[in-house]
Amino acid sequence: MISFQRVTYRYPQPAGSQPLAPALDELSVQIDEGELILVIGPSGAGKSTFLRCLNGLTPHFYGGVLSGQVQVAGRDPVALGPQGMAHAVGMVFQDPETQFVTDQVEDELVFGMENQALPPALMRKRVEEVLDQLTIAHLRGRRMNTLSGGEKQRVAIASVLTMNPDVLVLDEPTSQLDPQSAEEVLVAIRRLNEDLGLTVILAEHRLERVVQFVDRVLYLPGPGGQALLDDPRTVMAAVELNPPLASLGKAKGWQPLPLTVKQARRFLPRGRRSQAMERSAAAESATLATGDALRPGQPAASALATVDNVSFDYRGHPALRGVSFSLQPGEVVALMGRNGSGKSTLLKLLAGLHKPGRGSVRLAQAGQESLDTRSAPLEAIVRVVGYVPQNPGALLFKDTVLEELAFTRQGHKLPPDPAADRALLARLGLAGQAERYPRDLSSGQRQRVALAAILVAQPALLLLDEPTRGLDYAQKEALSAILLEQRRQGRAVLLATHDVELAARCADRVVLLGDGQVVVDGPTRQVMTGSLIFASQVNKLYRDPRFLVVEDAVAAAGSLA
């Protein structure tokens, strides 16, 4: 079905720069028809490049030099290009907004089929099928600019499925989805694969969500390494990019290596899980009885930011309703909730990009009167708040990564400090990208560049919208370390995230939104423990508030399996 024979590809070399390492280097793989393949590897290892080769975007759109042979469904993508491969390969990109061409959801689903001049009855049938498969029927009449990032991602997948391709290619399809929506999408993809024999190739960093659904895993190590294509357990045992349960299994010597909570549960002592659940229930009952936690945060005099009874609508569509909470210096808060619950909207209100319809958002300034974002100029707000949106490309427009950081310093009237800028890039795993053009980088690399460009200004309040999008596990560890450092320096950090593992690792509090309202606001261990959706893998295994991350379970080895 898919064949790569000694494929090597280099992106175009910027004028005056050092030669780039090949994105793909002598890659040879064979994928059978009807397989569901997961592509993994460090950020920048060539995963997106591999996917783009399947429909001819590489090299037709991106330029560069490709050698070797590529065959997909009996076609040559290098010879035919994206237009010639459109009937065979449907692709969903990391940034779904880039592939939308209409203003309304249903129009977007129909657009490709109209270009193929399909009969209206067939188009209606396919639209209804994908709306049901991806549980987005409620979005059919919505305008694209009113959708959340996760809703846009599901619409993008649906628009490709209506074309009925032979091969479905997905680049990080769950990166903007909440855990429940991600599972629904993956189950739908698996059903398409099993029932219709659709060949599916997907690249993903959040392996804990995906690895149990796939037939085989293709590991791309990056320049100079040897690719590996094998069953999931074999690949997980051989590489360092492991989801939490696999890391825990390696640390404890569990064999066979567990990839799901169900598989790991057999290694717990009999009765251990029920005892933990009883302890968890007792702790939660005691907390609720005293009323000390699990309630919306109240404004405090020392708060860096105070959101007071805020509501906001998008053209009559409610996004937030009566939201109140505060952010204190020296705390990391995870803002969680299903897609469309209002997380990104709340961040934009704190950043001054939206004005509250009702209520107020106030930001503290050292030694000065607090700012009301409804009336304060944006220039004053950005001196207090650093904001990294879901699409980091919106912040990047200079010629090199270093120039992006220097531009931020200049805008905040800070002295140039190239040495400090390079040190920050090194901590974010970007030391080798300092002279690169930012938009030539991978999605995960662009995410880290945008974060670096904000951090050099040392904002008192840091707002991050899906900061782990495109990051591998090692880079998430580095990000966690930087966020905890910001906390030690007295800054407040608010993360809008679907990444429960990141929240478990570095958040002090979790604010859970539902339907535009604060449902729960409390300490991370209390909020996440026992949750059916927003618990970490380790916590789902032990159901014990003492254990959220792998290190918790390893440190307590004497009392656990």
Protein backbone atom coordinates (compact mmCIF):
# COMPACT_ATOMS: atom_id res chain seq x y z
CA MET A 1 0.00 0.00 0.00
CA ILE A 2 2.72 2.48 1.06
CA SER A 3 6.37 2.01 0.22
CA PHE A 4 9.39 4.20 0.97
CA GLN A 5 12.64 3.03 -0.58
CA ARG A 6 15.77 4.82 0.62
CA VAL A 7 14.01 8.17 0.78
CA THR A 8 16.14 11.19 1.71
CA TYR A 9 14.76 14.71 1.88
CA ARG A 10 16.31 18.08 2.70
CA TYR A 11 14.36 21.30 3.09
CA PRO A 12 15.60 24.31 1.11
CA GLN A 13 18.73 25.83 2.63
CA PRO A 14 18.34 29.47 3.69
CA ALA A 15 20.84 31.78 2.00
CA GLY A 16 24.04 32.16 3.99
CA SER A 17 23.15 29.50 6.56
CA GLN A 18 24.77 26.20 7.43
CA PRO A 19 23.54 23.15 5.47
CA LEU A 20 20.47 21.62 7.09
CA ALA A 21 20.48 18.01 8.24
CA PRO A 22 18.15 15.82 6.17
CA ALA A 23 14.62 15.69 7.55
CA LEU A 24 14.43 12.08 6.26
CA ASP A 25 17.61 10.08 5.80
CA GLU A 26 17.64 6.85 3.75
CA LEU A 27 14.18 5.90 5.08
CA SER A 28 12.82 2.53 3.93
CA VAL A 29 9.46 1.28 5.25
CA GLN A 30 6.56 -0.87 4.00
CA ILE A 31 2.99 -0.33 5.23
CA ASP A 32 0.21 -2.75 4.28
CA GLU A 33 -3.28 -1.84 3.16
CA GLY A 34 -5.74 -1.45 6.04
CA GLU A 35 -3.12 -0.85 8.73
CA LEU A 36 -3.40 1.80 11.43
CA ILE A 37 0.09 3.19 11.90
CA LEU A 38 1.30 5.59 14.60
CA VAL A 39 4.34 7.74 13.72
CA ILE A 40 6.37 8.92 16.72
CA GLY A 41 9.70 10.56 17.38
CA PRO A 42 11.27 13.66 18.93
CA SER A 43 10.02 17.06 17.82
CA GLY A 44 11.74 17.89 14.53
CA ALA A 45 12.55 14.24 13.74
CA GLY A 46 10.69 14.34 10.40
CA LYS A 47 7.22 13.07 11.31
CA SER A 48 5.32 15.83 9.51
CA THR A 49 7.74 15.58 6.59
CA PHE A 50 7.02 11.85 6.30
CA LEU A 51 3.27 12.53 6.26
CA ARG A 52 3.64 15.25 3.63
CA CYS A 53 5.48 12.83 1.36
CA LEU A 54 2.34 10.69 1.21
CA ASN A 55 0.35 13.24 -0.79
CA GLY A 56 3.19 15.03 -2.60
CA LEU A 57 3.27 18.22 -0.54
CA THR A 58 6.90 17.27 -0.04
CA PRO A 59 8.62 18.35 -2.23
CA HIS A 60 6.02 20.13 -4.46
CA PHE A 61 4.90 22.72 -1.90
CA TYR A 62 7.90 22.89 0.44
CA GLY A 63 10.65 22.71 -2.18
CA GLY A 64 13.95 21.10 -1.27
CA VAL A 65 15.47 17.93 -2.68
CA LEU A 66 13.98 14.44 -2.41
CA SER A 67 15.68 11.25 -3.53
CA GLY A 68 14.53 7.63 -3.41
CA GLN A 69 11.14 6.19 -4.31
CA VAL A 70 7.71 6.73 -2.74
CA GLN A 71 4.61 4.71 -3.71
CA VAL A 72 1.15 5.25 -2.18
CA ALA A 73 -1.84 3.18 -3.35
CA GLY A 74 -0.04 2.43 -6.61
CA ARG A 75 0.68 6.11 -7.26
CA ASP A 76 3.87 8.19 -7.21
CA PRO A 77 3.24 11.32 -5.09
CA VAL A 78 6.47 12.94 -6.28
CA ALA A 79 5.34 12.71 -9.90
CA LEU A 80 1.64 13.48 -9.36
CA GLY A 81 1.83 16.16 -6.68
CA PRO A 82 -0.96 17.05 -4.20
CA GLN A 83 -3.61 17.54 -6.89
CA GLY A 84 -2.97 14.15 -8.43
CA MET A 85 -3.05 12.47 -5.00
CA ALA A 86 -6.18 14.22 -3.72
CA HIS A 87 -8.49 11.28 -4.47
CA ALA A 88 -6.21 8.76 -2.76
CA VAL A 89 -4.88 10.61 0.29
CA GLY A 90 -6.81 12.82 2.69
CA MET A 91 -4.67 14.87 5.07
CA VAL A 92 -5.46 16.79 8.25
CA PHE A 93 -2.74 19.23 9.27
CA GLN A 94 -1.42 20.22 12.69
CA ASP A 95 -3.05 23.65 12.28
CA PRO A 96 -6.55 22.83 10.95
CA GLU A 97 -7.35 26.51 10.37
CA THR A 98 -4.91 26.52 7.43
CA GLN A 99 -7.09 24.14 5.38
CA PHE A 100 -10.48 25.82 5.81
CA VAL A 101 -11.89 27.65 2.80
CA THR A 102 -15.47 28.47 3.84
CA ASP A 103 -17.10 30.33 6.73
CA GLN A 104 -19.60 27.70 7.91
CA VAL A 105 -19.10 24.13 9.13
CA GLU A 106 -21.54 22.39 6.78
CA ASP A 107 -20.22 24.35 3.79
CA GLU A 108 -16.70 23.19 4.68
CA LEU A 109 -17.78 19.56 4.75
CA VAL A 110 -19.38 19.89 1.32
CA PHE A 111 -16.69 21.98 -0.40
CA GLY A 112 -14.39 19.15 -1.50
CA MET A 113 -17.24 17.00 -2.75
CA GLU A 114 -18.66 19.88 -4.76
CA ASN A 115 -15.30 20.24 -6.49
CA GLN A 116 -15.58 16.57 -7.45
CA ALA A 117 -19.11 17.17 -8.80
CA LEU A 118 -20.60 14.39 -6.64
CA PRO A 119 -24.40 13.89 -6.69
CA PRO A 120 -26.23 15.98 -4.04
CA ALA A 121 -27.80 12.87 -2.46
CA LEU A 122 -24.37 11.28 -1.97
CA MET A 123 -23.00 14.50 -0.49
CA ARG A 124 -25.85 14.71 2.02
CA LYS A 125 -25.33 11.08 3.01
CA ARG A 126 -21.61 11.52 3.60
CA VAL A 127 -22.12 14.73 5.59
CA GLU A 128 -24.58 13.03 7.94
CA GLU A 129 -22.25 10.07 8.39
CA VAL A 130 -19.20 12.11 9.38
CA LEU A 131 -21.24 14.40 11.64
CA ASP A 132 -22.36 11.31 13.55
CA GLN A 133 -18.99 9.56 13.47
CA LEU A 134 -17.21 12.55 15.03
CA THR A 135 -20.16 13.68 17.23
CA ILE A 136 -20.22 17.20 15.77
CA ALA A 137 -23.81 17.35 14.47
CA HIS A 138 -24.42 20.26 16.87
CA LEU A 139 -21.77 22.28 15.01
CA ARG A 140 -23.19 21.97 11.49
CA GLY A 141 -24.68 25.47 11.39
CA ARG A 142 -21.89 27.24 13.27
CA ARG A 143 -19.50 29.75 11.74
CA MET A 144 -15.86 28.68 11.72
CA ASN A 145 -14.65 31.72 13.65
CA THR A 146 -16.88 30.83 16.63
CA LEU A 147 -15.39 27.34 17.08
CA SER A 148 -12.81 26.39 19.69
CA GLY A 149 -9.48 24.95 18.57
CA GLY A 150 -10.62 21.41 19.32
CA GLU A 151 -13.90 21.87 17.49
CA LYS A 152 -11.99 23.13 14.44
CA GLN A 153 -9.80 20.04 14.59
CA ARG A 154 -12.77 17.70 14.45
CA VAL A 155 -14.34 19.68 11.61
CA ALA A 156 -11.07 19.41 9.67
CA ILE A 157 -11.06 15.62 10.12
CA ALA A 158 -14.69 15.44 9.04
CA SER A 159 -14.06 17.51 5.89
CA VAL A 160 -11.37 15.04 4.82
CA LEU A 161 -13.48 11.97 5.57
CA THR A 162 -16.27 13.20 3.30
CA MET A 163 -13.84 12.76 0.39
CA ASN A 164 -13.73 9.00 1.08
CA PRO A 165 -9.93 8.66 0.66
CA ASP A 166 -7.96 5.39 0.45
CA VAL A 167 -5.46 6.68 3.00
CA LEU A 168 -6.27 9.02 5.89
CA VAL A 169 -3.25 11.00 7.15
CA LEU A 170 -3.50 12.86 10.46
CA ASP A 171 -0.84 15.14 11.95
CA GLU A 172 -1.42 15.30 15.72
CA PRO A 173 -5.21 14.84 15.50
CA THR A 174 -5.78 15.04 19.27
CA SER A 175 -3.44 17.93 20.10
CA GLN A 176 -6.33 20.35 20.72
CA LEU A 177 -8.93 17.88 21.96
CA ASP A 178 -10.03 17.29 25.53
CA PRO A 179 -9.52 13.70 26.76
CA GLN A 180 -13.11 12.63 26.11
CA SER A 181 -13.24 14.17 22.63
CA ALA A 182 -9.84 12.70 21.80
CA GLU A 183 -11.04 9.23 22.72
CA GLU A 184 -14.22 9.70 20.66
CA VAL A 185 -12.19 10.76 17.61
CA LEU A 186 -9.71 7.89 18.00
CA VAL A 187 -12.51 5.35 18.44
CA ALA A 188 -14.15 6.73 15.29
CA ILE A 189 -10.85 6.48 13.39
CA ARG A 190 -10.34 2.93 14.62
CA ARG A 191 -13.88 2.04 13.54
CA LEU A 192 -13.24 3.45 10.06
CA ASN A 193 -10.04 1.45 9.92
CA GLU A 194 -11.64 -1.82 11.05
CA ASP A 195 -15.05 -1.60 9.34
CA LEU A 196 -14.07 0.04 6.06
CA GLY A 197 -10.46 -1.10 5.77
CA LEU A 198 -9.28 2.53 5.59
CA THR A 199 -5.50 2.82 5.87
CA VAL A 200 -4.69 5.38 8.57
CA ILE A 201 -1.33 7.04 9.25
CA LEU A 202 -1.18 9.40 12.20
CA ALA A 203 1.59 11.27 14.00
CA GLU A 204 1.07 12.02 17.67
CA HIS A 205 3.10 13.05 20.74
CA ARG A 206 0.53 12.13 23.41
CA LEU A 207 1.12 8.40 23.18
CA GLU A 208 -0.95 7.63 26.26
CA ARG A 209 -4.02 8.51 24.19
CA VAL A 210 -3.17 6.62 21.01
CA VAL A 211 -0.80 3.70 21.37
CA GLN A 212 -3.44 1.14 22.37
CA PHE A 213 -5.46 1.82 19.20
CA VAL A 214 -2.77 1.15 16.57
CA ASP A 215 -1.44 -1.92 14.76
CA ARG A 216 2.18 -0.82 14.47
CA VAL A 217 4.38 2.11 15.47
CA LEU A 218 6.93 3.82 13.22
CA TYR A 219 9.66 5.48 15.27
CA LEU A 220 11.66 8.22 13.53
CA PRO A 221 14.70 9.10 15.67
CA GLY A 222 15.85 12.15 13.71
CA PRO A 223 19.05 12.79 11.71
CA GLY A 224 21.55 9.94 11.85
CA GLY A 225 19.26 7.47 13.62
CA GLN A 226 17.70 4.21 12.49
CA ALA A 227 13.94 4.10 11.98
CA LEU A 228 11.99 1.30 13.68
CA LEU A 229 8.62 -0.11 12.58
CA ASP A 230 7.10 -2.79 14.82
CA ASP A 231 4.23 -3.60 17.15
CA PRO A 232 3.54 -1.00 19.88
CA ARG A 233 4.91 -2.95 22.85
CA THR A 234 8.18 -3.78 21.06
CA VAL A 235 8.75 -0.16 20.04
CA MET A 236 7.85 1.22 23.48
CA ALA A 237 10.34 -1.16 25.08
CA ALA A 238 13.08 -0.06 22.68
CA VAL A 239 12.73 3.75 22.78
CA GLU A 240 12.74 6.45 25.45
CA LEU A 241 9.57 8.21 24.27
CA ASN A 242 7.16 6.43 26.60
CA PRO A 243 3.70 7.23 27.94
CA PRO A 244 3.52 7.27 31.76
CA LEU A 245 2.33 3.68 32.19
CA ALA A 246 5.11 2.32 29.98
CA SER A 247 7.66 4.39 31.93
CA LEU A 248 6.23 3.06 35.19
CA GLY A 249 6.34 -0.51 33.85
CA LYS A 250 9.99 -0.11 32.87
CA ALA A 251 10.88 1.32 36.28
CA LYS A 252 9.19 -1.59 38.05
CA GLY A 253 10.25 -4.31 35.63
CA TRP A 254 6.71 -5.24 34.66
CA GLN A 255 6.53 -7.79 31.82
CA PRO A 256 4.83 -7.69 29.40
CA LEU A 257 5.09 -3.91 29.28
CA PRO A 258 1.62 -2.41 29.97
CA LEU A 259 0.22 0.10 27.49
CA THR A 260 -3.20 0.60 29.11
CA VAL A 261 -4.52 0.96 32.66
CA LYS A 262 -6.27 -2.39 32.31
CA GLN A 263 -3.00 -4.11 31.39
CA ALA A 264 -1.16 -2.43 34.30
CA ARG A 265 -3.83 -3.30 36.84
CA ARG A 266 -2.78 -6.97 36.87
CA PHE A 267 0.52 -5.98 38.50
CA LEU A 268 -1.14 -4.42 41.57
CA PRO A 269 -1.53 -6.53 44.71
CA ARG A 270 -5.00 -7.98 45.12
CA GLY A 271 -7.21 -5.55 47.02
CA ARG A 272 -4.74 -2.68 46.60
CA ARG A 273 -6.96 -0.75 44.19
CA SER A 274 -10.15 -1.06 46.26
CA GLN A 275 -8.30 0.17 49.37
CA ALA A 276 -6.98 3.17 47.45
CA MET A 277 -10.46 3.99 46.17
CA GLU A 278 -11.84 3.86 49.71
CA ARG A 279 -9.03 6.19 50.88
CA SER A 280 -9.73 8.55 48.00
CA ALA A 281 -13.48 8.61 48.70
CA ALA A 282 -12.89 9.21 52.41
CA ALA A 283 -10.51 12.09 51.70
CA GLU A 284 -12.94 13.67 49.26
CA SER A 285 -15.84 13.32 51.72
CA ALA A 286 -13.78 14.96 54.46
CA THR A 287 -12.80 17.81 52.17
CA LEU A 288 -16.39 18.43 51.07
CA ALA A 289 -17.58 18.24 54.67
CA THR A 290 -15.19 20.97 55.80
CA GLY A 291 -15.83 23.06 52.68
CA ASP A 292 -12.15 23.96 52.43
CA ALA A 293 -11.72 23.26 48.71
CA LEU A 294 -13.45 22.36 45.48
CA ARG A 295 -15.23 25.67 45.20
CA PRO A 296 -14.70 28.65 42.88
CA GLY A 297 -11.70 30.74 43.93
CA GLN A 298 -12.55 34.07 45.55
CA PRO A 299 -10.76 37.35 44.78
CA ALA A 300 -7.87 38.10 47.13
CA ALA A 301 -6.10 41.35 47.91
CA SER A 302 -2.73 39.88 46.90
CA ALA A 303 -3.93 38.46 43.57
CA LEU A 304 -2.04 39.21 40.38
CA ALA A 305 -5.25 38.78 38.42
CA THR A 306 -8.88 38.81 39.51
CA VAL A 307 -11.76 37.64 37.33
CA ASP A 308 -15.02 38.80 38.88
CA ASN A 309 -18.39 37.52 37.62
CA VAL A 310 -17.29 37.71 33.98
CA SER A 311 -19.56 36.81 31.06
CA PHE A 312 -18.75 36.96 27.37
CA ASP A 313 -20.67 36.14 24.17
CA TYR A 314 -19.61 35.54 20.58
CA ARG A 315 -22.38 37.13 18.50
CA GLY A 316 -25.04 35.88 20.85
CA HIS A 317 -23.35 32.52 21.51
CA PRO A 318 -22.46 32.38 25.26
CA ALA A 319 -18.79 31.51 25.89
CA LEU A 320 -18.44 32.45 29.58
CA ARG A 321 -21.15 32.90 32.21
CA GLY A 322 -20.45 34.43 35.62
CA VAL A 323 -16.83 33.24 35.94
CA SER A 324 -14.95 34.25 39.10
CA PHE A 325 -11.50 33.24 40.29
CA SER A 326 -8.12 34.76 41.13
CA LEU A 327 -4.46 34.04 40.39
CA GLN A 328 -1.87 34.47 43.12
CA PRO A 329 1.84 35.16 42.75
CA GLY A 330 3.91 31.97 42.73
CA GLU A 331 1.27 29.49 41.58
CA VAL A 332 0.69 27.42 38.47
CA VAL A 333 -2.98 26.92 37.62
CA ALA A 334 -4.30 24.48 35.01
CA LEU A 335 -7.45 25.65 33.24
CA MET A 336 -9.20 22.53 32.01
CA GLY A 337 -12.51 21.51 30.52
CA ARG A 338 -14.08 20.12 27.38
CA ASN A 339 -13.64 21.75 23.99
CA GLY A 340 -15.77 24.88 23.77
CA SER A 341 -16.00 25.33 27.55
CA GLY A 342 -14.44 28.82 27.34
CA LYS A 343 -10.75 28.26 28.19
CA SER A 344 -9.23 30.19 25.29
CA THR A 345 -11.81 32.94 25.67
CA LEU A 346 -10.86 33.38 29.32
CA LEU A 347 -7.18 33.66 28.43
CA LYS A 348 -7.94 36.30 25.79
CA LEU A 349 -9.92 38.28 28.37
CA LEU A 350 -6.97 38.20 30.76
CA ALA A 351 -4.66 39.26 27.92
CA GLY A 352 -6.90 42.20 27.05
CA LEU A 353 -7.74 40.88 23.58
CA HIS A 354 -11.44 40.59 24.53
CA LYS A 355 -13.43 42.90 26.79
CA PRO A 356 -15.90 41.40 29.28
CA GLY A 357 -19.55 41.66 28.36
CA ARG A 358 -20.33 41.75 32.08
CA GLY A 359 -18.12 41.69 35.15
CA SER A 360 -14.49 42.75 35.33
CA VAL A 361 -10.92 41.51 34.86
CA ARG A 362 -8.28 43.32 36.91
CA LEU A 363 -4.50 42.97 36.78
CA ALA A 364 -2.17 44.02 39.61
CA GLN A 365 0.82 46.29 38.94
CA ALA A 366 3.73 46.56 41.36
CA GLY A 367 3.32 49.77 43.35
CA GLN A 368 0.52 51.04 41.12
CA GLU A 369 -3.23 50.95 40.87
CA SER A 370 -4.56 47.76 39.28
CA LEU A 371 -5.51 47.67 35.60
CA ASP A 372 -9.08 47.11 34.47
CA THR A 373 -8.77 45.35 31.10
CA ARG A 374 -12.01 46.93 29.91
CA SER A 375 -10.44 50.40 29.89
CA ALA A 376 -6.66 49.83 30.10
CA PRO A 377 -4.69 50.21 26.83
CA LEU A 378 -3.18 47.02 25.43
CA GLU A 379 0.30 48.55 25.77
CA ALA A 380 -0.15 48.67 29.55
CA ILE A 381 -1.55 45.14 29.74
CA VAL A 382 1.34 43.52 27.85
CA ARG A 383 3.76 44.90 30.43
CA VAL A 384 2.04 42.67 32.98
CA VAL A 385 0.81 39.71 30.90
CA GLY A 386 2.65 37.38 28.52
CA TYR A 387 0.31 35.41 26.27
CA VAL A 388 1.15 32.46 23.98
CA PRO A 389 -1.89 31.49 21.85
CA GLN A 390 -2.76 28.06 20.43
CA ASN A 391 -1.27 29.09 17.10
CA PRO A 392 2.26 30.29 17.93
CA GLY A 393 2.81 31.42 14.35
CA ALA A 394 0.71 34.50 15.18
CA LEU A 395 3.64 35.78 17.28
CA LEU A 396 6.48 34.96 14.87
CA PHE A 397 7.43 37.27 12.01
CA LYS A 398 11.20 37.99 12.23
CA ASP A 399 13.86 36.38 10.06
CA THR A 400 15.56 34.30 12.78
CA VAL A 401 14.68 32.83 16.15
CA LEU A 402 17.19 35.07 17.93
CA GLU A 403 15.67 38.13 16.30
CA GLU A 404 12.27 37.17 17.70
CA LEU A 405 13.67 37.32 21.24
CA ALA A 406 15.57 40.54 20.53
CA PHE A 407 12.37 42.13 19.18
CA THR A 408 10.53 41.36 22.42
CA ARG A 409 13.33 42.93 24.44
CA GLN A 410 13.22 46.01 22.25
CA GLY A 411 9.45 46.32 22.57
CA HIS A 412 9.71 46.20 26.38
CA LYS A 413 12.66 48.62 26.41
CA LEU A 414 14.98 45.94 27.81
CA PRO A 415 18.72 45.92 26.96
CA PRO A 416 19.90 43.36 24.37
CA ASP A 417 21.29 40.17 25.89
CA PRO A 418 22.13 37.60 23.17
CA ALA A 419 23.92 35.33 25.66
CA ALA A 420 20.85 35.08 27.91
CA ASP A 421 18.63 34.56 24.87
CA ARG A 422 20.79 31.68 23.64
CA ALA A 423 20.80 30.15 27.12
CA LEU A 424 16.99 30.26 27.23
CA LEU A 425 16.78 28.66 23.79
CA ALA A 426 19.14 25.90 24.95
CA ARG A 427 16.91 25.15 27.96
CA LEU A 428 13.98 24.81 25.57
CA GLY A 429 15.93 22.44 23.28
CA LEU A 430 16.35 25.08 20.58
CA ALA A 431 20.09 25.75 20.72
CA GLY A 432 20.54 24.53 17.15
CA GLN A 433 17.67 26.63 15.80
CA ALA A 434 18.82 30.12 16.85
CA GLU A 435 19.63 31.21 13.30
CA ARG A 436 16.68 29.43 11.63
CA TYR A 437 13.67 31.12 10.09
CA PRO A 438 10.91 30.47 12.68
CA ARG A 439 8.21 29.49 10.18
CA ASP A 440 10.45 26.77 8.76
CA LEU A 441 10.44 24.97 12.12
CA SER A 442 8.15 22.16 13.22
CA SER A 443 4.96 22.97 15.14
CA GLY A 444 6.52 21.97 18.46
CA GLN A 445 9.62 24.05 17.78
CA ARG A 446 7.52 27.09 16.87
CA GLN A 447 5.59 26.63 20.10
CA ARG A 448 8.82 26.80 22.10
CA VAL A 449 10.13 29.79 20.14
CA ALA A 450 6.93 31.71 20.91
CA LEU A 451 7.27 30.80 24.59
CA ALA A 452 10.90 31.97 24.62
CA ALA A 453 9.91 35.26 22.96
CA ILE A 454 7.40 35.88 25.75
CA LEU A 455 9.63 34.73 28.63
CA VAL A 456 12.44 37.21 27.85
CA ALA A 457 10.09 40.03 28.90
CA GLN A 458 9.64 38.38 32.34
CA PRO A 459 5.86 39.01 32.63
CA ALA A 460 4.23 38.84 36.05
CA LEU A 461 1.42 36.68 34.62
CA LEU A 462 2.09 34.04 31.97
CA LEU A 463 -0.85 32.73 29.92
CA LEU A 464 -0.28 29.61 27.81
CA ASP A 465 -2.91 28.09 25.52
CA GLU A 466 -2.18 24.40 24.84
CA PRO A 467 1.58 24.80 25.47
CA THR A 468 2.45 21.11 24.92
CA ARG A 469 1.06 20.98 21.39
CA GLY A 470 3.80 19.44 19.26
CA LEU A 471 6.10 18.64 22.22
CA ASP A 472 7.59 15.22 22.92
CA TYR A 473 7.96 13.88 26.47
CA ALA A 474 11.49 15.21 26.99
CA GLN A 475 10.44 18.69 25.90
CA LYS A 476 7.39 18.56 28.16
CA GLU A 477 9.74 17.82 31.04
CA ALA A 478 11.82 20.86 30.08
CA LEU A 479 8.66 22.98 29.85
CA SER A 480 7.53 21.79 33.28
CA ALA A 481 10.89 22.75 34.75
CA ILE A 482 10.64 26.25 33.26
CA LEU A 483 7.08 26.72 34.54
CA LEU A 484 8.10 25.65 38.03
CA GLU A 485 11.01 28.09 37.84
CA GLN A 486 8.55 30.87 36.96
CA ARG A 487 6.56 29.89 40.04
CA ARG A 488 9.67 30.08 42.25
CA GLN A 489 10.34 33.57 40.90
CA GLY A 490 6.90 34.69 42.09
CA ARG A 491 5.09 34.75 38.77
CA ALA A 492 1.63 33.33 38.17
CA VAL A 493 1.12 30.86 35.33
CA LEU A 494 -2.26 29.95 33.86
CA LEU A 495 -2.31 26.98 31.46
CA ALA A 496 -5.31 26.27 29.27
CA THR A 497 -4.61 22.63 28.55
CA HIS A 498 -6.08 19.24 27.72
CA ASP A 499 -2.79 17.61 28.72
CA VAL A 500 -3.69 15.97 32.03
CA GLU A 501 -0.12 14.70 32.45
CA LEU A 502 1.25 18.27 32.34
CA ALA A 503 -1.35 19.42 34.85
CA ALA A 504 -0.51 16.51 37.15
CA ARG A 505 3.19 17.35 36.99
CA CYS A 506 3.29 21.09 37.56
CA ALA A 507 -0.10 22.59 38.48
CA ASP A 508 -0.89 23.68 42.05
CA ARG A 509 -4.57 24.16 41.27
CA VAL A 510 -7.02 23.04 38.64
CA VAL A 511 -9.88 25.27 37.51
CA LEU A 512 -12.38 23.13 35.63
CA LEU A 513 -14.74 24.91 33.24
CA GLY A 514 -17.99 23.48 31.99
CA ASP A 515 -20.40 25.24 29.65
CA GLY A 516 -18.69 28.58 30.31
CA GLN A 517 -18.82 28.30 34.10
CA VAL A 518 -16.38 27.33 36.85
CA VAL A 519 -17.39 23.84 37.91
CA VAL A 520 -14.52 23.09 40.26
CA ASP A 521 -11.57 25.11 41.58
CA GLY A 522 -9.26 23.27 43.94
CA PRO A 523 -5.87 21.63 44.60
CA THR A 524 -4.65 19.45 41.75
CA ARG A 525 -4.55 16.17 43.67
CA GLN A 526 -8.10 16.59 44.93
CA VAL A 527 -9.59 17.64 41.60
CA MET A 528 -7.83 15.05 39.45
CA THR A 529 -8.04 12.01 41.71
CA GLY A 530 -10.77 9.63 40.66
CA SER A 531 -11.86 11.73 37.69
CA LEU A 532 -13.14 9.63 34.81
CA ILE A 533 -11.76 12.09 32.27
CA PHE A 534 -9.25 14.48 33.84
CA ALA A 535 -7.09 12.04 35.83
CA SER A 536 -3.53 11.14 34.86
CA GLN A 537 -2.66 7.60 33.78
CA VAL A 538 -0.90 6.83 37.07
CA ASN A 539 -3.84 8.14 39.08
CA LYS A 540 -6.30 6.11 37.03
CA LEU A 541 -4.24 3.04 37.92
CA TYR A 542 -3.99 3.64 41.68
CA ARG A 543 -7.04 5.88 42.29
CA ASP A 544 -5.12 7.40 45.16
CA PRO A 545 -4.47 11.15 45.65
CA ARG A 546 -0.87 10.36 46.60
CA PHE A 547 -0.07 9.18 43.08
CA LEU A 548 -0.38 11.48 40.07
CA VAL A 549 2.90 10.98 38.19
CA VAL A 550 5.37 8.12 37.70
CA GLU A 551 7.78 9.51 40.30
CA ASP A 552 5.06 9.32 42.98
CA ALA A 553 4.60 5.57 42.42
CA VAL A 554 8.33 4.82 42.11
CA ALA A 555 9.12 6.71 45.33
CA ALA A 556 6.52 4.63 47.20
CA ALA A 557 7.88 1.32 45.86
CA GLY A 558 7.94 -0.25 49.31
CA SER A 559 4.14 -0.18 49.62
CA LEU A 560 3.23 -0.80 46.00
CA ALA A 561 3.75 -3.51 43.41
